Each structure stands twice: as C-alpha cells, then as structure tokens.
Amino acid sequence: MENTNKITAKATSGGININEINGFCDLNCKSGSIKIEKCNLNENSSIHATSGGVKIKETNDIYIDAKVSSGDIKVENNNRLSEIELKIETTSGGIRVNNK
C-alpha cells in the first residue's frame, strides 16, 4: 500500500506493509507482521497483531502504548506528554518503534 491519510485494514493470513500514513490508522493482523515505514498521526490510533510483530521505522512525536504477551518491546523516544496515542498490542511477536 502506498501513502494514505486514514486507514483501517484487517488481514487474516499475511502481513500488512504500508509506506506512509498521515492521520489515523486502525490495523489488525491475525497471522503476519505489520510494517510501516513512516507514521505521522494526528489522532489516536491502534495496531493489533495476533501472531507476528509490529515494526514502525519512523513516527512523529507521539505516545506509544505498547503491550506484548510473548515478545519484546523497543520504543525509542516515547513522549508520554503527547496528546496523540498509538496503542500497539501483539500476542506473539515483538514491537519496534523509532519515535522521533
């Protein structure tokens, strides 16, 4: 998927790959990873992966609320004072976010 302002996507088998989001996202992946190159959010958003990890290479200055059942979390430069929150949950897989 190329660039988009608002996206809601669900994948049952296979991953979700997005180049750039500018605005809002609600992503859900049952079996596969979610990869986002650039994520610029201006409203609260969420990402959920059941069996697979989540990797975001670059975000704007937001708060990442990350939870994993089995896996590890690495969020760089998390801004707890930001008004915009991205909730990321994985059941089995890690979370990697490079927050600007």
Protein backbone atom coordinates (compact mmCIF):
# COMPACT_ATOMS: atom_id res chain seq x y z
CA MET A 1 0.00 0.00 0.00
CA GLU A 2 1.34 3.45 -0.85
CA ASN A 3 0.56 6.68 1.04
CA THR A 4 -2.77 7.24 2.77
CA ASN A 5 -4.37 9.67 5.28
CA LYS A 6 -6.67 7.30 7.15
CA ILE A 7 -6.51 3.57 7.01
CA THR A 8 -8.46 0.70 8.53
CA ALA A 9 -7.14 -2.71 7.49
CA LYS A 10 -7.56 -6.32 8.59
CA ALA A 11 -5.53 -9.28 7.40
CA THR A 12 -6.32 -12.88 8.33
CA SER A 13 -3.36 -14.62 6.68
CA GLY A 14 -0.40 -12.48 5.62
CA GLY A 15 1.16 -9.25 6.71
CA ILE A 16 0.38 -5.56 6.25
CA ASN A 17 3.04 -3.29 4.70
CA ILE A 18 2.48 0.47 4.44
CA ASN A 19 4.89 3.13 3.15
CA GLU A 20 3.32 6.17 4.84
CA ILE A 21 0.31 7.07 6.99
CA ASN A 22 -0.66 10.71 7.55
CA GLY A 23 -3.54 10.97 10.01
CA PHE A 24 -5.11 7.83 11.50
CA CYS A 25 -4.73 4.04 11.47
CA ASP A 26 -6.63 1.03 12.81
CA LEU A 27 -4.71 -2.09 11.77
CA ASN A 28 -5.42 -5.70 12.73
CA CYS A 29 -3.40 -8.70 11.57
CA LYS A 30 -4.16 -12.28 12.69
CA SER A 31 -1.18 -14.10 11.15
CA GLY A 32 1.68 -11.98 9.86
CA SER A 33 3.69 -8.88 10.66
CA ILE A 34 2.75 -5.22 10.34
CA LYS A 35 5.45 -2.95 8.88
CA ILE A 36 5.13 0.81 8.45
CA GLU A 37 7.89 3.00 7.00
CA LYS A 38 6.58 6.40 8.15
CA CYS A 39 3.65 7.05 10.50
CA ASN A 40 2.50 10.67 11.10
CA LEU A 41 -0.60 10.57 13.29
CA ASN A 42 -2.90 13.45 14.19
CA GLU A 43 -5.47 11.40 16.12
CA ASN A 44 -5.43 8.38 18.45
CA SER A 45 -4.87 5.13 16.58
CA SER A 46 -4.35 1.41 17.17
CA ILE A 47 -2.44 -1.59 15.84
CA HIS A 48 -3.06 -5.22 16.86
CA ALA A 49 -1.13 -8.31 15.73
CA THR A 50 -2.06 -11.79 16.97
CA SER A 51 0.80 -13.85 15.53
CA GLY A 52 3.51 -11.53 14.24
CA GLY A 53 5.44 -8.43 15.15
CA VAL A 54 4.97 -4.71 14.57
CA LYS A 55 7.76 -2.53 13.18
CA ILE A 56 7.48 1.22 12.57
CA LYS A 57 10.62 2.86 11.19
CA GLU A 58 9.60 6.48 11.87
CA THR A 59 6.78 8.31 13.67
CA ASN A 60 6.01 11.87 14.59
CA ASP A 61 6.23 12.95 18.26
CA ILE A 62 3.52 10.71 19.80
CA TYR A 63 2.98 8.43 22.81
CA ILE A 64 3.27 4.70 22.12
CA ASP A 65 1.28 2.45 24.50
CA ALA A 66 2.86 -0.94 23.70
CA LYS A 67 1.85 -4.32 25.15
CA VAL A 68 3.02 -7.84 24.27
CA SER A 69 2.04 -11.26 25.62
CA SER A 70 5.09 -13.05 24.21
CA GLY A 71 7.88 -10.95 22.71
CA ASP A 72 9.89 -7.84 23.42
CA ILE A 73 9.26 -4.09 23.13
CA LYS A 74 11.68 -1.44 21.92
CA VAL A 75 10.29 2.10 21.59
CA GLU A 76 12.75 4.94 21.08
CA ASN A 77 11.93 8.48 22.32
CA ASN A 78 8.43 7.78 23.66
CA ASN A 79 6.62 11.05 24.51
CA ARG A 80 4.29 10.40 27.47
CA LEU A 81 3.12 14.05 27.33
CA SER A 82 1.84 13.84 23.75
CA GLU A 83 -1.89 14.32 23.16
CA ILE A 84 -1.81 11.66 20.43
CA GLU A 85 -1.56 7.99 21.43
CA LEU A 86 -0.84 4.92 19.34
CA LYS A 87 -1.85 1.67 21.07
CA ILE A 88 0.11 -1.33 19.83
CA GLU A 89 -0.63 -4.87 21.03
CA THR A 90 0.85 -8.19 19.98
CA THR A 91 0.05 -11.66 21.28
CA SER A 92 3.09 -13.41 19.85
CA GLY A 93 5.75 -11.11 18.39
CA GLY A 94 7.88 -8.10 19.20
CA ILE A 95 7.28 -4.36 18.83
CA ARG A 96 9.90 -1.98 17.39
CA VAL A 97 9.20 1.74 17.02
CA ASN A 98 11.56 4.59 16.20
CA ASN A 99 9.63 7.57 17.61
CA LYS A 100 11.01 10.97 16.50
